[in-house]
Amino acid sequence: MVVSPFEFKQDYSFELSEEDKEELKIEEDVAVYSIVTIHSDVTKSTMNLLAPVIINPAHRVGKQVVLQQTGYVTKHLIWTEESTSAKEGV
């Protein structure tokens, strides 16, 4: 399953390399998705913030990019106490 990482981590941001921008023919809008691993205990489900899937819908090209020099991980917990509280309005 893939999700928009911004739904779960609003401050998620990164810079693509010039090579990736060129390969994906990026001029303006792109779609960014994170691959999610759903566990039987849903609270332990994770998403991969280190290697997002970048899609250029205008040119119908996309690829998974491994980000360099970031603190992001491949198993970022989706449901943290903070995100649960925010969604419940607490």
PDB file of N, CA and C in Angstrom:
ATOM      1  N   MET A   1       0.849  -1.157   0.000  1.00  0.00           N
ATOM      2  CA  MET A   1       0.000   0.000   0.000  1.00  0.00           C
ATOM      3  C   MET A   1       0.905   1.232   0.000  1.00  0.00           C
ATOM      4  N   VAL A   2       0.454   2.282  -0.653  1.00  0.00           N
ATOM      5  CA  VAL A   2       1.174   3.548  -0.620  1.00  0.00           C
ATOM      6  C   VAL A   2       0.247   4.643  -0.096  1.00  0.00           C
ATOM      7  N   VAL A   3       0.849   5.628   0.572  1.00  0.00           N
ATOM      8  CA  VAL A   3       0.090   6.753   1.121  1.00  0.00           C
ATOM      9  C   VAL A   3       0.881   8.036   0.876  1.00  0.00           C
ATOM     10  N   SER A   4       0.199   9.145   0.984  1.00  0.00           N
ATOM     11  CA  SER A   4       0.895  10.426   0.966  1.00  0.00           C
ATOM     12  C   SER A   4       1.556  10.589   2.329  1.00  0.00           C
ATOM     13  N   PRO A   5       2.874  10.736   2.370  1.00  0.00           N
ATOM     14  CA  PRO A   5       3.544  10.861   3.670  1.00  0.00           C
ATOM     15  C   PRO A   5       3.143  12.136   4.407  1.00  0.00           C
ATOM     16  N   PHE A   6       2.681  13.144   3.682  1.00  0.00           N
ATOM     17  CA  PHE A   6       2.316  14.422   4.283  1.00  0.00           C
ATOM     18  C   PHE A   6       1.062  14.324   5.148  1.00  0.00           C
ATOM     19  N   GLU A   7       0.259  13.269   4.936  1.00  0.00           N
ATOM     20  CA  GLU A   7      -0.922  13.047   5.771  1.00  0.00           C
ATOM     21  C   GLU A   7      -0.532  12.634   7.195  1.00  0.00           C
ATOM     22  N   PHE A   8       0.633  12.041   7.328  1.00  0.00           N
ATOM     23  CA  PHE A   8       1.073  11.532   8.622  1.00  0.00           C
ATOM     24  C   PHE A   8       2.246  12.316   9.206  1.00  0.00           C
ATOM     25  N   LYS A   9       3.002  12.976   8.359  1.00  0.00           N
ATOM     26  CA  LYS A   9       4.162  13.749   8.798  1.00  0.00           C
ATOM     27  C   LYS A   9       4.174  15.053   8.001  1.00  0.00           C
ATOM     28  N   GLN A  10       3.486  16.060   8.543  1.00  0.00           N
ATOM     29  CA  GLN A  10       3.284  17.315   7.829  1.00  0.00           C
ATOM     30  C   GLN A  10       4.596  18.044   7.514  1.00  0.00           C
ATOM     31  N   ASP A  11       5.637  17.827   8.308  1.00  0.00           N
ATOM     32  CA  ASP A  11       6.904  18.525   8.071  1.00  0.00           C
ATOM     33  C   ASP A  11       7.879  17.725   7.200  1.00  0.00           C
ATOM     34  N   TYR A  12       7.388  16.683   6.542  1.00  0.00           N
ATOM     35  CA  TYR A  12       8.228  15.863   5.667  1.00  0.00           C
ATOM     36  C   TYR A  12       8.691  16.701   4.485  1.00  0.00           C
ATOM     37  N   SER A  13       9.980  16.739   4.248  1.00  0.00           N
ATOM     38  CA  SER A  13      10.510  17.489   3.113  1.00  0.00           C
ATOM     39  C   SER A  13      11.866  16.920   2.716  1.00  0.00           C
ATOM     40  N   PHE A  14      12.226  17.130   1.453  1.00  0.00           N
ATOM     41  CA  PHE A  14      13.498  16.637   0.942  1.00  0.00           C
ATOM     42  C   PHE A  14      13.795  17.331  -0.377  1.00  0.00           C
ATOM     43  N   GLU A  15      15.027  17.217  -0.810  1.00  0.00           N
ATOM     44  CA  GLU A  15      15.459  17.743  -2.104  1.00  0.00           C
ATOM     45  C   GLU A  15      15.855  16.573  -2.988  1.00  0.00           C
ATOM     46  N   LEU A  16      15.364  16.579  -4.214  1.00  0.00           N
ATOM     47  CA  LEU A  16      15.781  15.569  -5.176  1.00  0.00           C
ATOM     48  C   LEU A  16      17.082  15.999  -5.834  1.00  0.00           C
ATOM     49  N   SER A  17      17.902  15.035  -6.196  1.00  0.00           N
ATOM     50  CA  SER A  17      19.140  15.347  -6.912  1.00  0.00           C
ATOM     51  C   SER A  17      18.793  15.837  -8.311  1.00  0.00           C
ATOM     52  N   GLU A  18      19.727  16.538  -8.916  1.00  0.00           N
ATOM     53  CA  GLU A  18      19.518  17.017 -10.284  1.00  0.00           C
ATOM     54  C   GLU A  18      19.323  15.840 -11.240  1.00  0.00           C
ATOM     55  N   GLU A  19      20.025  14.742 -10.989  1.00  0.00           N
ATOM     56  CA  GLU A  19      19.891  13.552 -11.837  1.00  0.00           C
ATOM     57  C   GLU A  19      18.476  12.989 -11.766  1.00  0.00           C
ATOM     58  N   ASP A  20      17.920  12.922 -10.548  1.00  0.00           N
ATOM     59  CA  ASP A  20      16.550  12.422 -10.392  1.00  0.00           C
ATOM     60  C   ASP A  20      15.551  13.356 -11.063  1.00  0.00           C
ATOM     61  N   LYS A  21      15.747  14.657 -10.902  1.00  0.00           N
ATOM     62  CA  LYS A  21      14.846  15.627 -11.532  1.00  0.00           C
ATOM     63  C   LYS A  21      14.873  15.476 -13.051  1.00  0.00           C
ATOM     64  N   GLU A  22      16.052  15.295 -13.580  1.00  0.00           N
ATOM     65  CA  GLU A  22      16.191  15.141 -15.032  1.00  0.00           C
ATOM     66  C   GLU A  22      15.552  13.842 -15.513  1.00  0.00           C
ATOM     67  N   GLU A  23      15.837  12.755 -14.802  1.00  0.00           N
ATOM     68  CA  GLU A  23      15.290  11.455 -15.193  1.00  0.00           C
ATOM     69  C   GLU A  23      13.760  11.454 -15.149  1.00  0.00           C
ATOM     70  N   LEU A  24      13.194  12.123 -14.144  1.00  0.00           N
ATOM     71  CA  LEU A  24      11.735  12.171 -13.991  1.00  0.00           C
ATOM     72  C   LEU A  24      11.095  13.327 -14.774  1.00  0.00           C
ATOM     73  N   LYS A  25      11.915  14.087 -15.472  1.00  0.00           N
ATOM     74  CA  LYS A  25      11.430  15.213 -16.283  1.00  0.00           C
ATOM     75  C   LYS A  25      10.595  16.184 -15.454  1.00  0.00           C
ATOM     76  N   ILE A  26      11.072  16.481 -14.251  1.00  0.00           N
ATOM     77  CA  ILE A  26      10.315  17.321 -13.325  1.00  0.00           C
ATOM     78  C   ILE A  26      10.440  18.784 -13.721  1.00  0.00           C
ATOM     79  N   GLU A  27       9.288  19.385 -13.935  1.00  0.00           N
ATOM     80  CA  GLU A  27       9.215  20.811 -14.227  1.00  0.00           C
ATOM     81  C   GLU A  27       8.385  21.508 -13.156  1.00  0.00           C
ATOM     82  N   GLU A  28       7.278  20.901 -12.773  1.00  0.00           N
ATOM     83  CA  GLU A  28       6.414  21.507 -11.760  1.00  0.00           C
ATOM     84  C   GLU A  28       5.915  20.457 -10.781  1.00  0.00           C
ATOM     85  N   ASP A  29       4.686  20.038 -10.959  1.00  0.00           N
ATOM     86  CA  ASP A  29       4.027  19.164  -9.986  1.00  0.00           C
ATOM     87  C   ASP A  29       4.502  17.725 -10.057  1.00  0.00           C
ATOM     88  N   VAL A  30       4.645  17.127  -8.892  1.00  0.00           N
ATOM     89  CA  VAL A  30       4.932  15.705  -8.769  1.00  0.00           C
ATOM     90  C   VAL A  30       4.058  15.147  -7.653  1.00  0.00           C
ATOM     91  N   ALA A  31       3.882  13.853  -7.673  1.00  0.00           N
ATOM     92  CA  ALA A  31       3.179  13.164  -6.588  1.00  0.00           C
ATOM     93  C   ALA A  31       4.224  12.406  -5.784  1.00  0.00           C
ATOM     94  N   VAL A  32       4.053  12.415  -4.469  1.00  0.00           N
ATOM     95  CA  VAL A  32       4.993  11.748  -3.570  1.00  0.00           C
ATOM     96  C   VAL A  32       4.209  10.742  -2.732  1.00  0.00           C
ATOM     97  N   TYR A  33       4.703   9.509  -2.706  1.00  0.00           N
ATOM     98  CA  TYR A  33       4.069   8.455  -1.922  1.00  0.00           C
ATOM     99  C   TYR A  33       5.109   7.721  -1.091  1.00  0.00           C
ATOM    100  N   SER A  34       4.659   7.170   0.023  1.00  0.00           N
ATOM    101  CA  SER A  34       5.511   6.319   0.847  1.00  0.00           C
ATOM    102  C   SER A  34       4.898   4.926   0.882  1.00  0.00           C
ATOM    103  N   ILE A  35       5.766   3.930   0.828  1.00  0.00           N
ATOM    104  CA  ILE A  35       5.307   2.543   0.909  1.00  0.00           C
ATOM    105  C   ILE A  35       5.040   2.213   2.374  1.00  0.00           C
ATOM    106  N   VAL A  36       3.881   1.606   2.615  1.00  0.00           N
ATOM    107  CA  VAL A  36       3.443   1.295   3.976  1.00  0.00           C
ATOM    108  C   VAL A  36       3.465  -0.209   4.201  1.00  0.00           C
ATOM    109  N   THR A  37       3.898  -0.593   5.383  1.00  0.00           N
ATOM    110  CA  THR A  37       3.822  -1.983   5.821  1.00  0.00           C
ATOM    111  C   THR A  37       2.793  -2.043   6.935  1.00  0.00           C
ATOM    112  N   ILE A  38       1.702  -2.775   6.696  1.00  0.00           N
ATOM    113  CA  ILE A  38       0.643  -2.922   7.689  1.00  0.00           C
ATOM    114  C   ILE A  38       0.928  -4.159   8.531  1.00  0.00           C
ATOM    115  N   HIS A  39       0.954  -3.982   9.835  1.00  0.00           N
ATOM    116  CA  HIS A  39       1.180  -5.094  10.760  1.00  0.00           C
ATOM    117  C   HIS A  39      -0.149  -5.543  11.358  1.00  0.00           C
ATOM    118  N   SER A  40      -0.158  -6.743  11.902  1.00  0.00           N
ATOM    119  CA  SER A  40      -1.387  -7.253  12.519  1.00  0.00           C
ATOM    120  C   SER A  40      -1.819  -6.338  13.665  1.00  0.00           C
ATOM    121  N   ASP A  41      -0.859  -5.792  14.391  1.00  0.00           N
ATOM    122  CA  ASP A  41      -1.140  -4.753  15.384  1.00  0.00           C
ATOM    123  C   ASP A  41      -0.973  -3.429  14.638  1.00  0.00           C
ATOM    124  N   VAL A  42      -2.070  -2.834  14.224  1.00  0.00           N
ATOM    125  CA  VAL A  42      -2.044  -1.668  13.355  1.00  0.00           C
ATOM    126  C   VAL A  42      -1.186  -0.541  13.922  1.00  0.00           C
ATOM    127  N   THR A  43      -1.080  -0.435  15.216  1.00  0.00           N
ATOM    128  CA  THR A  43      -0.284   0.630  15.817  1.00  0.00           C
ATOM    129  C   THR A  43       1.206   0.462  15.539  1.00  0.00           C
ATOM    130  N   LYS A  44       1.607  -0.685  15.032  1.00  0.00           N
ATOM    131  CA  LYS A  44       3.006  -0.927  14.690  1.00  0.00           C
ATOM    132  C   LYS A  44       3.263  -0.817  13.180  1.00  0.00           C
ATOM    133  N   SER A  45       2.282  -0.335  12.439  1.00  0.00           N
ATOM    134  CA  SER A  45       2.437  -0.152  10.994  1.00  0.00           C
ATOM    135  C   SER A  45       3.451   0.956  10.724  1.00  0.00           C
ATOM    136  N   THR A  46       4.216   0.792   9.646  1.00  0.00           N
ATOM    137  CA  THR A  46       5.284   1.743   9.336  1.00  0.00           C
ATOM    138  C   THR A  46       5.197   2.217   7.893  1.00  0.00           C
ATOM    139  N   MET A  47       5.879   3.337   7.630  1.00  0.00           N
ATOM    140  CA  MET A  47       6.018   3.804   6.250  1.00  0.00           C
ATOM    141  C   MET A  47       7.470   4.157   6.000  1.00  0.00           C
ATOM    142  N   ASN A  48       7.858   4.005   4.756  1.00  0.00           N
ATOM    143  CA  ASN A  48       9.236   4.232   4.348  1.00  0.00           C
ATOM    144  C   ASN A  48       9.408   5.695   3.931  1.00  0.00           C
ATOM    145  N   LEU A  49      10.000   6.492   4.829  1.00  0.00           N
ATOM    146  CA  LEU A  49      10.250   7.896   4.512  1.00  0.00           C
ATOM    147  C   LEU A  49      11.603   8.096   3.842  1.00  0.00           C
ATOM    148  N   LEU A  50      12.479   7.109   3.949  1.00  0.00           N
ATOM    149  CA  LEU A  50      13.813   7.225   3.373  1.00  0.00           C
ATOM    150  C   LEU A  50      13.806   7.072   1.856  1.00  0.00           C
ATOM    151  N   ALA A  51      12.845   6.304   1.342  1.00  0.00           N
ATOM    152  CA  ALA A  51      12.823   6.041  -0.103  1.00  0.00           C
ATOM    153  C   ALA A  51      11.412   6.248  -0.661  1.00  0.00           C
ATOM    154  N   PRO A  52      11.014   7.510  -0.841  1.00  0.00           N
ATOM    155  CA  PRO A  52       9.675   7.782  -1.374  1.00  0.00           C
ATOM    156  C   PRO A  52       9.559   7.402  -2.853  1.00  0.00           C
ATOM    157  N   VAL A  53       8.338   7.184  -3.281  1.00  0.00           N
ATOM    158  CA  VAL A  53       8.041   6.950  -4.695  1.00  0.00           C
ATOM    159  C   VAL A  53       7.624   8.306  -5.267  1.00  0.00           C
ATOM    160  N   ILE A  54       8.361   8.757  -6.268  1.00  0.00           N
ATOM    161  CA  ILE A  54       8.100  10.055  -6.884  1.00  0.00           C
ATOM    162  C   ILE A  54       7.501   9.809  -8.270  1.00  0.00           C
ATOM    163  N   ILE A  55       6.373  10.453  -8.549  1.00  0.00           N
ATOM    164  CA  ILE A  55       5.694  10.265  -9.831  1.00  0.00           C
ATOM    165  C   ILE A  55       5.462  11.618 -10.485  1.00  0.00           C
ATOM    166  N   ASN A  56       5.801  11.695 -11.758  1.00  0.00           N
ATOM    167  CA  ASN A  56       5.514  12.863 -12.576  1.00  0.00           C
ATOM    168  C   ASN A  56       4.318  12.488 -13.446  1.00  0.00           C
ATOM    169  N   PRO A  57       3.108  12.884 -13.026  1.00  0.00           N
ATOM    170  CA  PRO A  57       1.917  12.466 -13.766  1.00  0.00           C
ATOM    171  C   PRO A  57       1.840  13.036 -15.181  1.00  0.00           C
ATOM    172  N   ALA A  58       2.403  14.198 -15.406  1.00  0.00           N
ATOM    173  CA  ALA A  58       2.349  14.812 -16.742  1.00  0.00           C
ATOM    174  C   ALA A  58       3.111  13.982 -17.770  1.00  0.00           C
ATOM    175  N   HIS A  59       4.201  13.356 -17.350  1.00  0.00           N
ATOM    176  CA  HIS A  59       5.007  12.558 -18.273  1.00  0.00           C
ATOM    177  C   HIS A  59       4.856  11.049 -18.048  1.00  0.00           C
ATOM    178  N   ARG A  60       4.027  10.686 -17.055  1.00  0.00           N
ATOM    179  CA  ARG A  60       3.765   9.284 -16.729  1.00  0.00           C
ATOM    180  C   ARG A  60       5.045   8.498 -16.439  1.00  0.00           C
ATOM    181  N   VAL A  61       5.905   9.107 -15.639  1.00  0.00           N
ATOM    182  CA  VAL A  61       7.128   8.441 -15.210  1.00  0.00           C
ATOM    183  C   VAL A  61       7.228   8.539 -13.694  1.00  0.00           C
ATOM    184  N   GLY A  62       7.884   7.578 -13.113  1.00  0.00           N
ATOM    185  CA  GLY A  62       8.072   7.596 -11.676  1.00  0.00           C
ATOM    186  C   GLY A  62       9.154   6.621 -11.270  1.00  0.00           C
ATOM    187  N   LYS A  63       9.610   6.775 -10.052  1.00  0.00           N
ATOM    188  CA  LYS A  63      10.594   5.837  -9.519  1.00  0.00           C
ATOM    189  C   LYS A  63      10.691   6.024  -8.018  1.00  0.00           C
ATOM    190  N   GLN A  64      11.231   5.009  -7.380  1.00  0.00           N
ATOM    191  CA  GLN A  64      11.510   5.099  -5.957  1.00  0.00           C
ATOM    192  C   GLN A  64      12.912   5.679  -5.810  1.00  0.00           C
ATOM    193  N   VAL A  65      13.025   6.706  -4.986  1.00  0.00           N
ATOM    194  CA  VAL A  65      14.285   7.416  -4.801  1.00  0.00           C
ATOM    195  C   VAL A  65      14.771   7.216  -3.372  1.00  0.00           C
ATOM    196  N   VAL A  66      16.021   6.793  -3.218  1.00  0.00           N
ATOM    197  CA  VAL A  66      16.616   6.698  -1.881  1.00  0.00           C
ATOM    198  C   VAL A  66      17.241   8.051  -1.580  1.00  0.00           C
ATOM    199  N   LEU A  67      16.714   8.723  -0.564  1.00  0.00           N
ATOM    200  CA  LEU A  67      17.196  10.054  -0.211  1.00  0.00           C
ATOM    201  C   LEU A  67      18.570   9.972   0.435  1.00  0.00           C
ATOM    202  N   GLN A  68      19.379  10.976   0.173  1.00  0.00           N
ATOM    203  CA  GLN A  68      20.727  11.041   0.732  1.00  0.00           C
ATOM    204  C   GLN A  68      20.767  12.110   1.817  1.00  0.00           C
ATOM    205  N   GLN A  69      21.582  11.872   2.819  1.00  0.00           N
ATOM    206  CA  GLN A  69      21.842  12.836   3.886  1.00  0.00           C
ATOM    207  C   GLN A  69      20.569  13.332   4.567  1.00  0.00           C
ATOM    208  N   THR A  70      19.726  12.379   4.984  1.00  0.00           N
ATOM    209  CA  THR A  70      18.527  12.724   5.747  1.00  0.00           C
ATOM    210  C   THR A  70      18.492  11.869   7.000  1.00  0.00           C
ATOM    211  N   GLY A  71      17.662  12.256   7.917  1.00  0.00           N
ATOM    212  CA  GLY A  71      17.473  11.469   9.125  1.00  0.00           C
ATOM    213  C   GLY A  71      16.281  10.529   9.014  1.00  0.00           C
ATOM    214  N   TYR A  72      15.695  10.445   7.826  1.00  0.00           N
ATOM    215  CA  TYR A  72      14.520   9.586   7.643  1.00  0.00           C
ATOM    216  C   TYR A  72      14.911   8.118   7.648  1.00  0.00           C
ATOM    217  N   VAL A  73      13.949   7.275   8.028  1.00  0.00           N
ATOM    218  CA  VAL A  73      14.189   5.840   8.131  1.00  0.00           C
ATOM    219  C   VAL A  73      13.193   5.074   7.266  1.00  0.00           C
ATOM    220  N   THR A  74      13.477   3.794   7.087  1.00  0.00           N
ATOM    221  CA  THR A  74      12.590   2.961   6.274  1.00  0.00           C
ATOM    222  C   THR A  74      11.386   2.458   7.062  1.00  0.00           C
ATOM    223  N   LYS A  75      11.455   2.517   8.381  1.00  0.00           N
ATOM    224  CA  LYS A  75      10.352   2.009   9.208  1.00  0.00           C
ATOM    225  C   LYS A  75       9.889   3.061  10.202  1.00  0.00           C
ATOM    226  N   HIS A  76       9.332   4.140   9.670  1.00  0.00           N
ATOM    227  CA  HIS A  76       8.799   5.224  10.491  1.00  0.00           C
ATOM    228  C   HIS A  76       7.396   4.824  10.963  1.00  0.00           C
ATOM    229  N   LEU A  77       7.185   4.810  12.273  1.00  0.00           N
ATOM    230  CA  LEU A  77       5.867   4.457  12.797  1.00  0.00           C
ATOM    231  C   LEU A  77       4.818   5.460  12.322  1.00  0.00           C
ATOM    232  N   ILE A  78       3.730   4.940  11.794  1.00  0.00           N
ATOM    233  CA  ILE A  78       2.652   5.809  11.320  1.00  0.00           C
ATOM    234  C   ILE A  78       1.855   6.356  12.489  1.00  0.00           C
ATOM    235  N   TRP A  79       1.494   5.492  13.403  1.00  0.00           N
ATOM    236  CA  TRP A  79       0.627   5.875  14.511  1.00  0.00           C
ATOM    237  C   TRP A  79       1.467   6.128  15.755  1.00  0.00           C
ATOM    238  N   THR A  80       1.790   7.389  15.959  1.00  0.00           N
ATOM    239  CA  THR A  80       2.484   7.774  17.181  1.00  0.00           C
ATOM    240  C   THR A  80       1.463   8.381  18.121  1.00  0.00           C
ATOM    241  N   GLU A  81       1.841   8.538  19.366  1.00  0.00           N
ATOM    242  CA  GLU A  81       0.933   9.165  20.339  1.00  0.00           C
ATOM    243  C   GLU A  81       0.544  10.555  19.866  1.00  0.00           C
ATOM    244  N   GLU A  82       1.516  11.276  19.307  1.00  0.00           N
ATOM    245  CA  GLU A  82       1.279  12.644  18.830  1.00  0.00           C
ATOM    246  C   GLU A  82       0.269  12.677  17.683  1.00  0.00           C
ATOM    247  N   SER A  83       0.427  11.788  16.687  1.00  0.00           N
ATOM    248  CA  SER A  83      -0.486  11.795  15.537  1.00  0.00           C
ATOM    249  C   SER A  83      -1.876  11.327  15.930  1.00  0.00           C
ATOM    250  N   THR A  84      -1.964  10.387  16.855  1.00  0.00           N
ATOM    251  CA  THR A  84      -3.266   9.922  17.324  1.00  0.00           C
ATOM    252  C   THR A  84      -4.005  11.038  18.050  1.00  0.00           C
ATOM    253  N   SER A  85      -3.293  11.780  18.902  1.00  0.00           N
ATOM    254  CA  SER A  85      -3.906  12.889  19.634  1.00  0.00           C
ATOM    255  C   SER A  85      -4.379  13.977  18.688  1.00  0.00           C
ATOM    256  N   ALA A  86      -3.590  14.285  17.674  1.00  0.00           N
ATOM    257  CA  ALA A  86      -3.947  15.327  16.712  1.00  0.00           C
ATOM    258  C   ALA A  86      -5.191  14.947  15.942  1.00  0.00           C
ATOM    259  N   LYS A  87      -5.327  13.687  15.545  1.00  0.00           N
ATOM    260  CA  LYS A  87      -6.479  13.239  14.785  1.00  0.00           C
ATOM    261  C   LYS A  87      -7.751  13.206  15.650  1.00  0.00           C
ATOM    262  N   GLU A  88      -7.574  12.990  16.944  1.00  0.00           N
ATOM    263  CA  GLU A  88      -8.722  12.952  17.854  1.00  0.00           C
ATOM    264  C   GLU A  88      -9.097  14.332  18.349  1.00  0.00           C
ATOM    265  N   GLY A  89      -8.302  15.349  18.020  1.00  0.00           N
ATOM    266  CA  GLY A  89      -8.604  16.701  18.450  1.00  0.00           C
ATOM    267  C   GLY A  89      -8.213  16.975  19.886  1.00  0.00           C
ATOM    268  N   VAL A  90      -7.310  16.197  20.426  1.00  0.00           N
ATOM    269  CA  VAL A  90      -6.899  16.369  21.828  1.00  0.00           C
ATOM    270  C   VAL A  90      -5.772  17.356  21.906  1.00  0.00           C
TER     271      VAL A  90
END
